[in-house]
């Protein structure tokens, strides 16, 4: 906030500005990762899954209907704000494991049935949650890049992009000792076949200007 010094905290809960319950707000810890938020998301989605046991057990609904219920009432809770996560391989493994477990619950597959995970996905038609997280991450990056230059979100993302190509925000800035932590922009680069974040930033700005031009052009009949 203007004229107010920033305070260092170990845990930060991002307020979306919406009048939702507190558990909807994503959590960011001081180490840059989102383990606590991911674990909390899995817990909330597990509770939602358990509360819908009558739907999973009924014989009067098709698998397709149950899958749509799962996508609407469980998967949205699990992946809320997932495009902002900086996740580790262990985090994604836990999320995918929960996702597969839910699909097996819907299909009423027990552990002794020896059905492979790929077969489970074929029966439900659901892709890995990592695909959905990747699409969301690319989409939000493009949206922030196309924002006006005076928007704080645009400025903060630009600083991260510049840092990823070796341009620190201040000449006196030095990277902390030790192995560099995985950053959100690192995940974005992997999502785009190792294309540098600076290149993706320029491409997103060009696309944003193109869409703005198309919207401003009058339609002719």
C-alpha atoms as a PDB file:
ATOM      1  CA  UNK A   1       0.000   0.000   0.000  1.00  0.00           C
ATOM      2  CA  UNK A   2       1.223   3.605  -0.620  1.00  0.00           C
ATOM      3  CA  UNK A   3       3.375   5.044   2.179  1.00  0.00           C
ATOM      4  CA  UNK A   4       3.100   1.799   4.154  1.00  0.00           C
ATOM      5  CA  UNK A   5       6.226  -0.407   4.484  1.00  0.00           C
ATOM      6  CA  UNK A   6       5.911  -4.005   3.329  1.00  0.00           C
ATOM      7  CA  UNK A   7       6.023  -6.544   6.124  1.00  0.00           C
ATOM      8  CA  UNK A   8       7.760  -9.912   5.740  1.00  0.00           C
ATOM      9  CA  UNK A   9       5.544 -12.847   6.675  1.00  0.00           C
ATOM     10  CA  UNK A  10       5.965 -16.618   6.532  1.00  0.00           C
ATOM     11  CA  UNK A  11       2.487 -17.212   5.100  1.00  0.00           C
ATOM     12  CA  UNK A  12       0.364 -14.987   2.891  1.00  0.00           C
ATOM     13  CA  UNK A  13      -3.287 -15.530   2.029  1.00  0.00           C
ATOM     14  CA  UNK A  14      -4.179 -13.787  -1.202  1.00  0.00           C
ATOM     15  CA  UNK A  15      -7.500 -11.945  -0.993  1.00  0.00           C
ATOM     16  CA  UNK A  16      -9.340 -12.116  -4.302  1.00  0.00           C
ATOM     17  CA  UNK A  17     -11.717  -9.360  -3.285  1.00  0.00           C
ATOM     18  CA  UNK A  18     -14.680 -11.686  -3.620  1.00  0.00           C
ATOM     19  CA  UNK A  19     -16.992 -12.348  -0.726  1.00  0.00           C
ATOM     20  CA  UNK A  20     -16.280 -16.043  -0.604  1.00  0.00           C
ATOM     21  CA  UNK A  21     -15.512 -18.135   2.409  1.00  0.00           C
ATOM     22  CA  UNK A  22     -11.988 -18.004   3.758  1.00  0.00           C
ATOM     23  CA  UNK A  23     -11.067 -21.480   2.538  1.00  0.00           C
ATOM     24  CA  UNK A  24     -11.390 -20.316  -1.062  1.00  0.00           C
ATOM     25  CA  UNK A  25      -8.422 -17.966  -0.707  1.00  0.00           C
ATOM     26  CA  UNK A  26      -5.089 -19.379  -1.968  1.00  0.00           C
ATOM     27  CA  UNK A  27      -2.080 -19.485   0.343  1.00  0.00           C
ATOM     28  CA  UNK A  28       1.480 -18.474  -0.553  1.00  0.00           C
ATOM     29  CA  UNK A  29       4.376 -19.248   1.795  1.00  0.00           C
ATOM     30  CA  UNK A  30       7.632 -17.321   2.116  1.00  0.00           C
ATOM     31  CA  UNK A  31       9.705 -20.031   0.410  1.00  0.00           C
ATOM     32  CA  UNK A  32       7.869 -19.430  -2.874  1.00  0.00           C
ATOM     33  CA  UNK A  33       6.189 -22.836  -2.986  1.00  0.00           C
ATOM     34  CA  UNK A  34       2.572 -23.801  -2.442  1.00  0.00           C
ATOM     35  CA  UNK A  35       2.763 -27.098  -0.546  1.00  0.00           C
ATOM     36  CA  UNK A  36       0.381 -25.971   2.188  1.00  0.00           C
ATOM     37  CA  UNK A  37      -2.184 -24.672  -0.288  1.00  0.00           C
ATOM     38  CA  UNK A  38      -1.987 -27.826  -2.412  1.00  0.00           C
ATOM     39  CA  UNK A  39      -2.420 -30.046   0.656  1.00  0.00           C
ATOM     40  CA  UNK A  40      -5.371 -27.924   1.744  1.00  0.00           C
ATOM     41  CA  UNK A  41      -6.920 -28.140  -1.708  1.00  0.00           C
ATOM     42  CA  UNK A  42      -6.659 -31.920  -1.674  1.00  0.00           C
ATOM     43  CA  UNK A  43      -8.282 -31.995   1.765  1.00  0.00           C
ATOM     44  CA  UNK A  44     -11.164 -29.759   0.688  1.00  0.00           C
ATOM     45  CA  UNK A  45     -11.721 -31.740  -2.506  1.00  0.00           C
ATOM     46  CA  UNK A  46     -11.611 -34.998  -0.536  1.00  0.00           C
ATOM     47  CA  UNK A  47     -14.327 -33.700   1.786  1.00  0.00           C
ATOM     48  CA  UNK A  48     -16.455 -32.710  -1.195  1.00  0.00           C
ATOM     49  CA  UNK A  49     -15.897 -36.139  -2.746  1.00  0.00           C
ATOM     50  CA  UNK A  50     -17.019 -37.879   0.460  1.00  0.00           C
ATOM     51  CA  UNK A  51     -20.131 -35.719   0.766  1.00  0.00           C
ATOM     52  CA  UNK A  52     -21.248 -36.918  -2.674  1.00  0.00           C
ATOM     53  CA  UNK A  53     -21.100 -40.621  -1.823  1.00  0.00           C
ATOM     54  CA  UNK A  54     -24.801 -41.067  -2.647  1.00  0.00           C
ATOM     55  CA  UNK A  55     -24.131 -39.925  -6.191  1.00  0.00           C
ATOM     56  CA  UNK A  56     -21.143 -42.202  -6.676  1.00  0.00           C
ATOM     57  CA  UNK A  57     -23.042 -45.201  -5.268  1.00  0.00           C
ATOM     58  CA  UNK A  58     -26.268 -44.781  -7.214  1.00  0.00           C
ATOM     59  CA  UNK A  59     -26.994 -47.047 -10.146  1.00  0.00           C
ATOM     60  CA  UNK A  60     -29.425 -44.602 -11.751  1.00  0.00           C
ATOM     61  CA  UNK A  61     -26.762 -42.224 -13.097  1.00  0.00           C
ATOM     62  CA  UNK A  62     -24.422 -42.913 -15.975  1.00  0.00           C
ATOM     63  CA  UNK A  63     -20.666 -42.665 -15.680  1.00  0.00           C
ATOM     64  CA  UNK A  64     -20.728 -39.561 -17.911  1.00  0.00           C
ATOM     65  CA  UNK A  65     -23.126 -37.809 -15.541  1.00  0.00           C
ATOM     66  CA  UNK A  66     -21.022 -38.708 -12.505  1.00  0.00           C
ATOM     67  CA  UNK A  67     -17.909 -37.414 -14.261  1.00  0.00           C
ATOM     68  CA  UNK A  68     -19.622 -34.086 -14.961  1.00  0.00           C
ATOM     69  CA  UNK A  69     -20.628 -33.835 -11.299  1.00  0.00           C
ATOM     70  CA  UNK A  70     -17.032 -34.567 -10.316  1.00  0.00           C
ATOM     71  CA  UNK A  71     -15.707 -31.889 -12.650  1.00  0.00           C
ATOM     72  CA  UNK A  72     -18.162 -29.298 -11.334  1.00  0.00           C
ATOM     73  CA  UNK A  73     -18.188 -29.976  -7.594  1.00  0.00           C
ATOM     74  CA  UNK A  74     -14.811 -31.571  -6.847  1.00  0.00           C
ATOM     75  CA  UNK A  75     -12.274 -30.741  -9.539  1.00  0.00           C
ATOM     76  CA  UNK A  76     -12.988 -27.017  -9.387  1.00  0.00           C
ATOM     77  CA  UNK A  77     -12.251 -27.042  -5.645  1.00  0.00           C
ATOM     78  CA  UNK A  78      -9.053 -29.021  -6.181  1.00  0.00           C
ATOM     79  CA  UNK A  79      -7.693 -26.752  -8.910  1.00  0.00           C
ATOM     80  CA  UNK A  80      -8.860 -23.360  -7.675  1.00  0.00           C
ATOM     81  CA  UNK A  81      -6.077 -20.842  -8.419  1.00  0.00           C
ATOM     82  CA  UNK A  82      -3.813 -23.713  -9.518  1.00  0.00           C
ATOM     83  CA  UNK A  83      -2.476 -21.577 -12.378  1.00  0.00           C
ATOM     84  CA  UNK A  84      -0.636 -19.519  -9.734  1.00  0.00           C
ATOM     85  CA  UNK A  85       1.053 -22.478  -8.041  1.00  0.00           C
ATOM     86  CA  UNK A  86       4.798 -22.995  -7.999  1.00  0.00           C
ATOM     87  CA  UNK A  87       4.715 -26.745  -7.560  1.00  0.00           C
ATOM     88  CA  UNK A  88       7.276 -29.484  -7.184  1.00  0.00           C
ATOM     89  CA  UNK A  89       7.218 -32.940  -8.727  1.00  0.00           C
ATOM     90  CA  UNK A  90       6.040 -34.385  -5.403  1.00  0.00           C
ATOM     91  CA  UNK A  91       3.144 -31.902  -5.339  1.00  0.00           C
ATOM     92  CA  UNK A  92       1.989 -32.864  -8.819  1.00  0.00           C
ATOM     93  CA  UNK A  93       2.293 -36.549  -7.955  1.00  0.00           C
ATOM     94  CA  UNK A  94      -0.008 -36.060  -4.956  1.00  0.00           C
ATOM     95  CA  UNK A  95      -2.561 -34.160  -7.059  1.00  0.00           C
ATOM     96  CA  UNK A  96      -2.543 -36.729  -9.866  1.00  0.00           C
ATOM     97  CA  UNK A  97      -2.840 -39.542  -7.325  1.00  0.00           C
ATOM     98  CA  UNK A  98      -5.921 -37.942  -5.789  1.00  0.00           C
ATOM     99  CA  UNK A  99      -7.398 -37.322  -9.254  1.00  0.00           C
ATOM    100  CA  UNK A 100      -6.950 -40.976 -10.198  1.00  0.00           C
ATOM    101  CA  UNK A 101      -8.343 -42.129  -6.852  1.00  0.00           C
ATOM    102  CA  UNK A 102     -11.515 -40.115  -7.452  1.00  0.00           C
ATOM    103  CA  UNK A 103     -11.934 -41.587 -10.920  1.00  0.00           C
ATOM    104  CA  UNK A 104     -11.609 -45.099  -9.513  1.00  0.00           C
ATOM    105  CA  UNK A 105     -14.249 -44.204  -6.914  1.00  0.00           C
ATOM    106  CA  UNK A 106     -16.626 -43.066  -9.654  1.00  0.00           C
ATOM    107  CA  UNK A 107     -16.027 -46.211 -11.707  1.00  0.00           C
ATOM    108  CA  UNK A 108     -16.262 -48.404  -8.567  1.00  0.00           C
ATOM    109  CA  UNK A 109     -12.864 -49.948  -9.278  1.00  0.00           C
ATOM    110  CA  UNK A 110     -11.254 -51.632  -6.274  1.00  0.00           C
ATOM    111  CA  UNK A 111      -7.539 -52.117  -5.708  1.00  0.00           C
ATOM    112  CA  UNK A 112      -7.774 -55.857  -6.333  1.00  0.00           C
ATOM    113  CA  UNK A 113      -9.259 -55.317  -9.812  1.00  0.00           C
ATOM    114  CA  UNK A 114      -5.765 -54.498 -11.157  1.00  0.00           C
ATOM    115  CA  UNK A 115      -6.895 -51.815 -13.621  1.00  0.00           C
ATOM    116  CA  UNK A 116      -4.157 -49.543 -14.922  1.00  0.00           C
ATOM    117  CA  UNK A 117      -4.400 -45.791 -14.489  1.00  0.00           C
ATOM    118  CA  UNK A 118      -4.350 -45.241 -18.248  1.00  0.00           C
ATOM    119  CA  UNK A 119      -7.400 -47.495 -18.588  1.00  0.00           C
ATOM    120  CA  UNK A 120      -9.167 -45.539 -15.855  1.00  0.00           C
ATOM    121  CA  UNK A 121      -8.565 -42.280 -17.746  1.00  0.00           C
ATOM    122  CA  UNK A 122      -9.872 -43.818 -20.963  1.00  0.00           C
ATOM    123  CA  UNK A 123     -13.111 -44.862 -19.259  1.00  0.00           C
ATOM    124  CA  UNK A 124     -13.769 -41.436 -17.732  1.00  0.00           C
ATOM    125  CA  UNK A 125     -12.369 -39.357 -20.591  1.00  0.00           C
ATOM    126  CA  UNK A 126     -10.532 -37.096 -18.135  1.00  0.00           C
ATOM    127  CA  UNK A 127      -7.065 -35.772 -18.894  1.00  0.00           C
ATOM    128  CA  UNK A 128      -4.357 -35.418 -16.229  1.00  0.00           C
ATOM    129  CA  UNK A 129      -4.851 -32.368 -14.040  1.00  0.00           C
ATOM    130  CA  UNK A 130      -1.354 -31.203 -14.992  1.00  0.00           C
ATOM    131  CA  UNK A 131      -2.653 -30.456 -18.502  1.00  0.00           C
ATOM    132  CA  UNK A 132      -5.337 -28.192 -17.082  1.00  0.00           C
ATOM    133  CA  UNK A 133      -2.862 -26.428 -14.787  1.00  0.00           C
ATOM    134  CA  UNK A 134      -0.492 -25.850 -17.718  1.00  0.00           C
ATOM    135  CA  UNK A 135      -3.233 -24.293 -19.856  1.00  0.00           C
ATOM    136  CA  UNK A 136      -4.270 -22.029 -16.997  1.00  0.00           C
ATOM    137  CA  UNK A 137      -0.687 -20.939 -16.357  1.00  0.00           C
ATOM    138  CA  UNK A 138      -0.151 -20.000 -20.005  1.00  0.00           C
ATOM    139  CA  UNK A 139      -3.487 -18.175 -20.125  1.00  0.00           C
ATOM    140  CA  UNK A 140      -2.893 -16.053 -17.029  1.00  0.00           C
ATOM    141  CA  UNK A 141       0.620 -15.160 -18.203  1.00  0.00           C
ATOM    142  CA  UNK A 142      -0.761 -13.884 -21.499  1.00  0.00           C
ATOM    143  CA  UNK A 143      -3.493 -11.968 -19.698  1.00  0.00           C
ATOM    144  CA  UNK A 144      -1.071 -10.236 -17.303  1.00  0.00           C
ATOM    145  CA  UNK A 145       1.363  -9.418 -20.115  1.00  0.00           C
ATOM    146  CA  UNK A 146      -1.385  -7.681 -22.102  1.00  0.00           C
ATOM    147  CA  UNK A 147      -2.431  -5.470 -19.165  1.00  0.00           C
ATOM    148  CA  UNK A 148      -1.507  -1.753 -19.211  1.00  0.00           C
ATOM    149  CA  UNK A 149       2.016  -0.935 -18.023  1.00  0.00           C
ATOM    150  CA  UNK A 150       0.780   0.902 -14.919  1.00  0.00           C
ATOM    151  CA  UNK A 151      -1.003  -2.143 -13.495  1.00  0.00           C
ATOM    152  CA  UNK A 152       0.922  -3.640 -10.500  1.00  0.00           C
ATOM    153  CA  UNK A 153       0.399  -7.221 -11.705  1.00  0.00           C
ATOM    154  CA  UNK A 154       1.964  -6.344 -15.058  1.00  0.00           C
ATOM    155  CA  UNK A 155       4.912  -4.618 -13.388  1.00  0.00           C
ATOM    156  CA  UNK A 156       5.547  -7.494 -10.963  1.00  0.00           C
ATOM    157  CA  UNK A 157       5.462 -10.101 -13.739  1.00  0.00           C
ATOM    158  CA  UNK A 158       7.764  -8.006 -15.900  1.00  0.00           C
ATOM    159  CA  UNK A 159      10.331  -7.910 -13.072  1.00  0.00           C
ATOM    160  CA  UNK A 160      10.252 -11.704 -12.883  1.00  0.00           C
ATOM    161  CA  UNK A 161      10.691 -12.010 -16.648  1.00  0.00           C
ATOM    162  CA  UNK A 162      13.652  -9.621 -16.587  1.00  0.00           C
ATOM    163  CA  UNK A 163      15.198 -11.504 -13.676  1.00  0.00           C
ATOM    164  CA  UNK A 164      14.897 -14.777 -15.610  1.00  0.00           C
ATOM    165  CA  UNK A 165      17.144 -13.380 -18.368  1.00  0.00           C
ATOM    166  CA  UNK A 166      19.729 -11.968 -15.957  1.00  0.00           C
ATOM    167  CA  UNK A 167      18.486  -8.414 -15.550  1.00  0.00           C
ATOM    168  CA  UNK A 168      18.110  -7.805 -11.784  1.00  0.00           C
ATOM    169  CA  UNK A 169      15.754  -5.073 -10.538  1.00  0.00           C
ATOM    170  CA  UNK A 170      18.648  -3.263  -8.880  1.00  0.00           C
ATOM    171  CA  UNK A 171      22.418  -3.249  -9.671  1.00  0.00           C
ATOM    172  CA  UNK A 172      23.208  -4.112  -6.059  1.00  0.00           C
ATOM    173  CA  UNK A 173      20.884  -7.118  -6.007  1.00  0.00           C
ATOM    174  CA  UNK A 174      22.503 -10.524  -5.569  1.00  0.00           C
ATOM    175  CA  UNK A 175      20.971 -13.969  -5.729  1.00  0.00           C
ATOM    176  CA  UNK A 176      20.861 -15.711  -2.340  1.00  0.00           C
ATOM    177  CA  UNK A 177      23.502 -18.448  -1.923  1.00  0.00           C
ATOM    178  CA  UNK A 178      22.552 -22.048  -2.566  1.00  0.00           C
ATOM    179  CA  UNK A 179      20.694 -23.866  -5.283  1.00  0.00           C
ATOM    180  CA  UNK A 180      18.165 -21.634  -7.087  1.00  0.00           C
ATOM    181  CA  UNK A 181      14.560 -22.422  -6.241  1.00  0.00           C
ATOM    182  CA  UNK A 182      12.097 -23.328  -8.952  1.00  0.00           C
ATOM    183  CA  UNK A 183      10.182 -20.206  -9.930  1.00  0.00           C
ATOM    184  CA  UNK A 184       6.812 -19.781 -11.574  1.00  0.00           C
ATOM    185  CA  UNK A 185       8.506 -18.531 -14.727  1.00  0.00           C
ATOM    186  CA  UNK A 186      10.634 -21.698 -14.801  1.00  0.00           C
ATOM    187  CA  UNK A 187       7.465 -23.771 -14.953  1.00  0.00           C
ATOM    188  CA  UNK A 188       6.115 -21.518 -17.688  1.00  0.00           C
ATOM    189  CA  UNK A 189       9.270 -22.079 -19.735  1.00  0.00           C
ATOM    190  CA  UNK A 190       8.919 -25.859 -19.390  1.00  0.00           C
ATOM    191  CA  UNK A 191       5.277 -25.594 -20.430  1.00  0.00           C
ATOM    192  CA  UNK A 192       6.414 -23.958 -23.691  1.00  0.00           C
ATOM    193  CA  UNK A 193       9.245 -26.281 -24.717  1.00  0.00           C
ATOM    194  CA  UNK A 194      11.994 -24.235 -23.006  1.00  0.00           C
ATOM    195  CA  UNK A 195      11.107 -20.991 -24.816  1.00  0.00           C
ATOM    196  CA  UNK A 196      12.545 -18.104 -22.710  1.00  0.00           C
ATOM    197  CA  UNK A 197      10.058 -16.164 -20.635  1.00  0.00           C
ATOM    198  CA  UNK A 198      11.146 -12.904 -22.308  1.00  0.00           C
ATOM    199  CA  UNK A 199      10.173 -14.305 -25.716  1.00  0.00           C
ATOM    200  CA  UNK A 200       6.819 -15.480 -24.375  1.00  0.00           C
ATOM    201  CA  UNK A 201       6.277 -12.038 -22.872  1.00  0.00           C
ATOM    202  CA  UNK A 202       6.835 -10.297 -26.216  1.00  0.00           C
ATOM    203  CA  UNK A 203       4.576 -12.757 -28.006  1.00  0.00           C
ATOM    204  CA  UNK A 204       1.814 -12.271 -25.420  1.00  0.00           C
ATOM    205  CA  UNK A 205       2.017  -8.471 -25.776  1.00  0.00           C
ATOM    206  CA  UNK A 206       1.764  -8.728 -29.573  1.00  0.00           C
ATOM    207  CA  UNK A 207      -1.273 -10.999 -29.287  1.00  0.00           C
ATOM    208  CA  UNK A 208      -2.869  -8.609 -26.783  1.00  0.00           C
ATOM    209  CA  UNK A 209      -2.380  -5.630 -29.114  1.00  0.00           C
ATOM    210  CA  UNK A 210      -3.789  -7.638 -32.017  1.00  0.00           C
ATOM    211  CA  UNK A 211      -6.946  -8.513 -30.062  1.00  0.00           C
ATOM    212  CA  UNK A 212      -7.357  -4.892 -28.964  1.00  0.00           C
ATOM    213  CA  UNK A 213      -7.054  -3.732 -32.587  1.00  0.00           C
ATOM    214  CA  UNK A 214      -9.661  -6.219 -33.728  1.00  0.00           C
ATOM    215  CA  UNK A 215     -12.056  -5.113 -30.981  1.00  0.00           C
ATOM    216  CA  UNK A 216     -11.607  -1.436 -31.903  1.00  0.00           C
ATOM    217  CA  UNK A 217     -12.214  -1.945 -35.623  1.00  0.00           C
ATOM    218  CA  UNK A 218     -15.810  -1.187 -36.653  1.00  0.00           C
ATOM    219  CA  UNK A 219     -17.770  -4.063 -38.104  1.00  0.00           C
ATOM    220  CA  UNK A 220     -18.947  -3.682 -41.675  1.00  0.00           C
ATOM    221  CA  UNK A 221     -21.913  -5.384 -43.217  1.00  0.00           C
END
